[in-house]
Amino acid sequence: PILRRFTTTTHHDLHHSHGGYNFGLYFTWWDQWMKTEHPKYVERFAASTESHQSVGSTFKEISR
């Protein structure tokens, strides 16, 4: 849960692709507090980590 408070590459990418969002430099809670977090940040971050998890599980299956 504490790691959810740090900015991610998804957070940073959304800032550059949609300039009016995600101004927090190190912590996402600034944007949550100031209501400047991109509305789809959580959804996009979940999709990003989901694809990495499936790649990791596929690698584990191959290496068995």
PDB file of N, CA and C in Angstrom:
ATOM      1  N   PRO A   1       0.807  -1.227   0.000  1.00  0.00           N
ATOM      2  CA  PRO A   1       0.000   0.000   0.000  1.00  0.00           C
ATOM      3  C   PRO A   1       0.842   1.280   0.000  1.00  0.00           C
ATOM      4  N   ILE A   2       1.976   1.269   0.676  1.00  0.00           N
ATOM      5  CA  ILE A   2       2.799   2.486   0.722  1.00  0.00           C
ATOM      6  C   ILE A   2       3.385   2.808  -0.652  1.00  0.00           C
ATOM      7  N   LEU A   3       3.649   1.783  -1.451  1.00  0.00           N
ATOM      8  CA  LEU A   3       4.228   2.020  -2.772  1.00  0.00           C
ATOM      9  C   LEU A   3       3.263   2.722  -3.713  1.00  0.00           C
ATOM     10  N   ARG A   4       1.986   2.641  -3.433  1.00  0.00           N
ATOM     11  CA  ARG A   4       0.999   3.334  -4.270  1.00  0.00           C
ATOM     12  C   ARG A   4       1.120   4.847  -4.162  1.00  0.00           C
ATOM     13  N   ARG A   5       1.834   5.321  -3.168  1.00  0.00           N
ATOM     14  CA  ARG A   5       1.990   6.764  -2.946  1.00  0.00           C
ATOM     15  C   ARG A   5       3.113   7.374  -3.779  1.00  0.00           C
ATOM     16  N   PHE A   6       3.967   6.539  -4.376  1.00  0.00           N
ATOM     17  CA  PHE A   6       5.073   7.039  -5.189  1.00  0.00           C
ATOM     18  C   PHE A   6       4.646   7.161  -6.645  1.00  0.00           C
ATOM     19  N   THR A   7       5.198   8.151  -7.340  1.00  0.00           N
ATOM     20  CA  THR A   7       4.862   8.299  -8.753  1.00  0.00           C
ATOM     21  C   THR A   7       5.470   7.142  -9.548  1.00  0.00           C
ATOM     22  N   THR A   8       4.880   6.865 -10.671  1.00  0.00           N
ATOM     23  CA  THR A   8       5.316   5.767 -11.533  1.00  0.00           C
ATOM     24  C   THR A   8       5.573   6.317 -12.941  1.00  0.00           C
ATOM     25  N   THR A   9       6.099   5.485 -13.789  1.00  0.00           N
ATOM     26  CA  THR A   9       6.294   5.924 -15.175  1.00  0.00           C
ATOM     27  C   THR A   9       4.950   6.197 -15.853  1.00  0.00           C
ATOM     28  N   THR A  10       3.924   5.447 -15.473  1.00  0.00           N
ATOM     29  CA  THR A  10       2.584   5.691 -16.023  1.00  0.00           C
ATOM     30  C   THR A  10       2.108   7.078 -15.604  1.00  0.00           C
ATOM     31  N   HIS A  11       2.309   7.424 -14.337  1.00  0.00           N
ATOM     32  CA  HIS A  11       1.933   8.742 -13.809  1.00  0.00           C
ATOM     33  C   HIS A  11       2.658   9.844 -14.585  1.00  0.00           C
ATOM     34  N   HIS A  12       3.950   9.650 -14.786  1.00  0.00           N
ATOM     35  CA  HIS A  12       4.777  10.628 -15.486  1.00  0.00           C
ATOM     36  C   HIS A  12       4.379  10.737 -16.964  1.00  0.00           C
ATOM     37  N   ASP A  13       4.149   9.603 -17.624  1.00  0.00           N
ATOM     38  CA  ASP A  13       3.752   9.613 -19.033  1.00  0.00           C
ATOM     39  C   ASP A  13       2.420  10.335 -19.240  1.00  0.00           C
ATOM     40  N   LEU A  14       1.480  10.116 -18.326  1.00  0.00           N
ATOM     41  CA  LEU A  14       0.193  10.805 -18.439  1.00  0.00           C
ATOM     42  C   LEU A  14       0.364  12.311 -18.256  1.00  0.00           C
ATOM     43  N   HIS A  15       1.316  12.710 -17.437  1.00  0.00           N
ATOM     44  CA  HIS A  15       1.583  14.141 -17.267  1.00  0.00           C
ATOM     45  C   HIS A  15       2.042  14.755 -18.588  1.00  0.00           C
ATOM     46  N   HIS A  16       2.910  14.060 -19.304  1.00  0.00           N
ATOM     47  CA  HIS A  16       3.424  14.613 -20.556  1.00  0.00           C
ATOM     48  C   HIS A  16       2.439  14.497 -21.712  1.00  0.00           C
ATOM     49  N   SER A  17       1.578  13.498 -21.679  1.00  0.00           N
ATOM     50  CA  SER A  17       0.611  13.364 -22.767  1.00  0.00           C
ATOM     51  C   SER A  17      -0.655  14.191 -22.526  1.00  0.00           C
ATOM     52  N   HIS A  18      -0.946  14.519 -21.280  1.00  0.00           N
ATOM     53  CA  HIS A  18      -2.112  15.337 -20.913  1.00  0.00           C
ATOM     54  C   HIS A  18      -1.630  16.362 -19.878  1.00  0.00           C
ATOM     55  N   GLY A  19      -1.110  17.474 -20.334  1.00  0.00           N
ATOM     56  CA  GLY A  19      -0.418  18.440 -19.500  1.00  0.00           C
ATOM     57  C   GLY A  19      -1.140  18.976 -18.279  1.00  0.00           C
ATOM     58  N   GLY A  20      -2.415  18.834 -18.186  1.00  0.00           N
ATOM     59  CA  GLY A  20      -3.149  19.393 -17.053  1.00  0.00           C
ATOM     60  C   GLY A  20      -3.250  18.476 -15.853  1.00  0.00           C
ATOM     61  N   TYR A  21      -2.515  17.374 -15.855  1.00  0.00           N
ATOM     62  CA  TYR A  21      -2.634  16.370 -14.793  1.00  0.00           C
ATOM     63  C   TYR A  21      -1.266  15.929 -14.282  1.00  0.00           C
ATOM     64  N   ASN A  22      -1.298  15.310 -13.114  1.00  0.00           N
ATOM     65  CA  ASN A  22      -0.144  14.607 -12.526  1.00  0.00           C
ATOM     66  C   ASN A  22       1.092  15.502 -12.397  1.00  0.00           C
ATOM     67  N   PHE A  23       1.001  16.447 -11.490  1.00  0.00           N
ATOM     68  CA  PHE A  23       2.102  17.373 -11.253  1.00  0.00           C
ATOM     69  C   PHE A  23       3.042  16.899 -10.144  1.00  0.00           C
ATOM     70  N   GLY A  24       2.612  15.928  -9.341  1.00  0.00           N
ATOM     71  CA  GLY A  24       3.429  15.459  -8.225  1.00  0.00           C
ATOM     72  C   GLY A  24       4.757  14.905  -8.712  1.00  0.00           C
ATOM     73  N   LEU A  25       5.843  15.356  -8.082  1.00  0.00           N
ATOM     74  CA  LEU A  25       7.164  14.937  -8.521  1.00  0.00           C
ATOM     75  C   LEU A  25       7.536  13.558  -7.989  1.00  0.00           C
ATOM     76  N   TYR A  26       7.328  13.325  -6.718  1.00  0.00           N
ATOM     77  CA  TYR A  26       7.696  12.042  -6.117  1.00  0.00           C
ATOM     78  C   TYR A  26       6.499  11.252  -5.595  1.00  0.00           C
ATOM     79  N   PHE A  27       5.449  11.950  -5.213  1.00  0.00           N
ATOM     80  CA  PHE A  27       4.320  11.298  -4.549  1.00  0.00           C
ATOM     81  C   PHE A  27       3.013  11.600  -5.269  1.00  0.00           C
ATOM     82  N   THR A  28       2.182  10.571  -5.440  1.00  0.00           N
ATOM     83  CA  THR A  28       0.897  10.740  -6.115  1.00  0.00           C
ATOM     84  C   THR A  28      -0.134  11.420  -5.224  1.00  0.00           C
ATOM     85  N   TRP A  29       0.069  11.374  -3.908  1.00  0.00           N
ATOM     86  CA  TRP A  29      -0.947  11.937  -3.021  1.00  0.00           C
ATOM     87  C   TRP A  29      -1.111  13.435  -3.205  1.00  0.00           C
ATOM     88  N   TRP A  30      -0.088  14.131  -3.695  1.00  0.00           N
ATOM     89  CA  TRP A  30      -0.253  15.562  -3.978  1.00  0.00           C
ATOM     90  C   TRP A  30      -1.358  15.755  -5.012  1.00  0.00           C
ATOM     91  N   ASP A  31      -1.329  14.971  -6.072  1.00  0.00           N
ATOM     92  CA  ASP A  31      -2.344  15.098  -7.121  1.00  0.00           C
ATOM     93  C   ASP A  31      -3.717  14.637  -6.640  1.00  0.00           C
ATOM     94  N   GLN A  32      -3.756  13.628  -5.802  1.00  0.00           N
ATOM     95  CA  GLN A  32      -5.035  13.197  -5.248  1.00  0.00           C
ATOM     96  C   GLN A  32      -5.614  14.308  -4.373  1.00  0.00           C
ATOM     97  N   TRP A  33      -4.771  14.913  -3.569  1.00  0.00           N
ATOM     98  CA  TRP A  33      -5.202  15.962  -2.656  1.00  0.00           C
ATOM     99  C   TRP A  33      -5.676  17.203  -3.417  1.00  0.00           C
ATOM    100  N   MET A  34      -4.931  17.586  -4.468  1.00  0.00           N
ATOM    101  CA  MET A  34      -5.252  18.797  -5.218  1.00  0.00           C
ATOM    102  C   MET A  34      -6.217  18.542  -6.389  1.00  0.00           C
ATOM    103  N   LYS A  35      -6.639  17.283  -6.538  1.00  0.00           N
ATOM    104  CA  LYS A  35      -7.583  16.885  -7.593  1.00  0.00           C
ATOM    105  C   LYS A  35      -7.015  17.120  -9.001  1.00  0.00           C
ATOM    106  N   THR A  36      -5.702  16.840  -9.139  1.00  0.00           N
ATOM    107  CA  THR A  36      -5.056  16.981 -10.449  1.00  0.00           C
ATOM    108  C   THR A  36      -4.556  15.640 -10.979  1.00  0.00           C
ATOM    109  N   GLU A  37      -4.965  14.546 -10.339  1.00  0.00           N
ATOM    110  CA  GLU A  37      -4.563  13.232 -10.838  1.00  0.00           C
ATOM    111  C   GLU A  37      -5.400  12.893 -12.071  1.00  0.00           C
ATOM    112  N   HIS A  38      -4.751  12.368 -13.086  1.00  0.00           N
ATOM    113  CA  HIS A  38      -5.462  12.006 -14.321  1.00  0.00           C
ATOM    114  C   HIS A  38      -6.570  11.020 -13.968  1.00  0.00           C
ATOM    115  N   PRO A  39      -7.777  11.226 -14.487  1.00  0.00           N
ATOM    116  CA  PRO A  39      -8.912  10.364 -14.121  1.00  0.00           C
ATOM    117  C   PRO A  39      -8.721   8.885 -14.463  1.00  0.00           C
ATOM    118  N   LYS A  40      -7.867   8.573 -15.408  1.00  0.00           N
ATOM    119  CA  LYS A  40      -7.663   7.171 -15.795  1.00  0.00           C
ATOM    120  C   LYS A  40      -6.328   6.616 -15.303  1.00  0.00           C
ATOM    121  N   TYR A  41      -5.649   7.334 -14.401  1.00  0.00           N
ATOM    122  CA  TYR A  41      -4.339   6.885 -13.936  1.00  0.00           C
ATOM    123  C   TYR A  41      -4.401   5.494 -13.303  1.00  0.00           C
ATOM    124  N   VAL A  42      -5.297   5.275 -12.374  1.00  0.00           N
ATOM    125  CA  VAL A  42      -5.368   3.994 -11.674  1.00  0.00           C
ATOM    126  C   VAL A  42      -5.658   2.867 -12.652  1.00  0.00           C
ATOM    127  N   GLU A  43      -6.569   3.113 -13.573  1.00  0.00           N
ATOM    128  CA  GLU A  43      -6.925   2.104 -14.590  1.00  0.00           C
ATOM    129  C   GLU A  43      -5.725   1.775 -15.487  1.00  0.00           C
ATOM    130  N   ARG A  44      -5.022   2.791 -15.941  1.00  0.00           N
ATOM    131  CA  ARG A  44      -3.874   2.556 -16.820  1.00  0.00           C
ATOM    132  C   ARG A  44      -2.712   1.902 -16.088  1.00  0.00           C
ATOM    133  N   PHE A  45      -2.503   2.290 -14.841  1.00  0.00           N
ATOM    134  CA  PHE A  45      -1.438   1.669 -14.060  1.00  0.00           C
ATOM    135  C   PHE A  45      -1.751   0.192 -13.821  1.00  0.00           C
ATOM    136  N   ALA A  46      -3.009  -0.118 -13.503  1.00  0.00           N
ATOM    137  CA  ALA A  46      -3.410  -1.513 -13.286  1.00  0.00           C
ATOM    138  C   ALA A  46      -3.205  -2.326 -14.566  1.00  0.00           C
ATOM    139  N   ALA A  47      -3.563  -1.763 -15.697  1.00  0.00           N
ATOM    140  CA  ALA A  47      -3.380  -2.470 -16.972  1.00  0.00           C
ATOM    141  C   ALA A  47      -1.897  -2.696 -17.249  1.00  0.00           C
ATOM    142  N   SER A  48      -1.082  -1.729 -16.922  1.00  0.00           N
ATOM    143  CA  SER A  48       0.353  -1.854 -17.144  1.00  0.00           C
ATOM    144  C   SER A  48       0.964  -2.932 -16.264  1.00  0.00           C
ATOM    145  N   THR A  49       0.623  -2.950 -15.004  1.00  0.00           N
ATOM    146  CA  THR A  49       1.198  -3.945 -14.095  1.00  0.00           C
ATOM    147  C   THR A  49       0.622  -5.328 -14.363  1.00  0.00           C
ATOM    148  N   GLU A  50      -0.602  -5.396 -14.823  1.00  0.00           N
ATOM    149  CA  GLU A  50      -1.214  -6.685 -15.154  1.00  0.00           C
ATOM    150  C   GLU A  50      -0.461  -7.350 -16.298  1.00  0.00           C
ATOM    151  N   SER A  51      -0.101  -6.575 -17.317  1.00  0.00           N
ATOM    152  CA  SER A  51       0.618  -7.158 -18.446  1.00  0.00           C
ATOM    153  C   SER A  51       2.010  -7.612 -18.020  1.00  0.00           C
ATOM    154  N   HIS A  52       2.672  -6.892 -17.114  1.00  0.00           N
ATOM    155  CA  HIS A  52       3.987  -7.301 -16.625  1.00  0.00           C
ATOM    156  C   HIS A  52       3.891  -8.566 -15.787  1.00  0.00           C
ATOM    157  N   GLN A  53       2.837  -8.709 -15.015  1.00  0.00           N
ATOM    158  CA  GLN A  53       2.667  -9.910 -14.202  1.00  0.00           C
ATOM    159  C   GLN A  53       2.472 -11.130 -15.091  1.00  0.00           C
ATOM    160  N   SER A  54       1.713 -10.974 -16.159  1.00  0.00           N
ATOM    161  CA  SER A  54       1.494 -12.123 -17.042  1.00  0.00           C
ATOM    162  C   SER A  54       2.780 -12.494 -17.768  1.00  0.00           C
ATOM    163  N   VAL A  55       3.605 -11.518 -18.107  1.00  0.00           N
ATOM    164  CA  VAL A  55       4.894 -11.810 -18.739  1.00  0.00           C
ATOM    165  C   VAL A  55       5.774 -12.560 -17.757  1.00  0.00           C
ATOM    166  N   GLY A  56       5.790 -12.134 -16.499  1.00  0.00           N
ATOM    167  CA  GLY A  56       6.585 -12.812 -15.476  1.00  0.00           C
ATOM    168  C   GLY A  56       6.141 -14.239 -15.252  1.00  0.00           C
ATOM    169  N   SER A  57       4.835 -14.482 -15.233  1.00  0.00           N
ATOM    170  CA  SER A  57       4.359 -15.839 -15.030  1.00  0.00           C
ATOM    171  C   SER A  57       4.657 -16.711 -16.245  1.00  0.00           C
ATOM    172  N   THR A  58       4.610 -16.146 -17.430  1.00  0.00           N
ATOM    173  CA  THR A  58       4.954 -16.890 -18.639  1.00  0.00           C
ATOM    174  C   THR A  58       6.432 -17.266 -18.613  1.00  0.00           C
ATOM    175  N   PHE A  59       7.291 -16.352 -18.186  1.00  0.00           N
ATOM    176  CA  PHE A  59       8.714 -16.644 -18.089  1.00  0.00           C
ATOM    177  C   PHE A  59       8.971 -17.762 -17.089  1.00  0.00           C
ATOM    178  N   LYS A  60       8.252 -17.743 -15.964  1.00  0.00           N
ATOM    179  CA  LYS A  60       8.429 -18.800 -14.960  1.00  0.00           C
ATOM    180  C   LYS A  60       8.019 -20.158 -15.530  1.00  0.00           C
ATOM    181  N   GLU A  61       6.935 -20.169 -16.314  1.00  0.00           N
ATOM    182  CA  GLU A  61       6.478 -21.428 -16.913  1.00  0.00           C
ATOM    183  C   GLU A  61       7.489 -21.948 -17.927  1.00  0.00           C
ATOM    184  N   ILE A  62       8.084 -21.053 -18.701  1.00  0.00           N
ATOM    185  CA  ILE A  62       9.063 -21.466 -19.708  1.00  0.00           C
ATOM    186  C   ILE A  62      10.333 -21.986 -19.053  1.00  0.00           C
ATOM    187  N   SER A  63      10.736 -21.351 -17.954  1.00  0.00           N
ATOM    188  CA  SER A  63      12.005 -21.734 -17.323  1.00  0.00           C
ATOM    189  C   SER A  63      11.888 -23.014 -16.473  1.00  0.00           C
ATOM    190  N   ARG A  64      10.712 -23.546 -16.339  1.00  0.00           N
ATOM    191  CA  ARG A  64      10.556 -24.794 -15.571  1.00  0.00           C
ATOM    192  C   ARG A  64      11.058 -25.971 -16.306  1.00  0.00           C
TER     193      ARG A  64
END
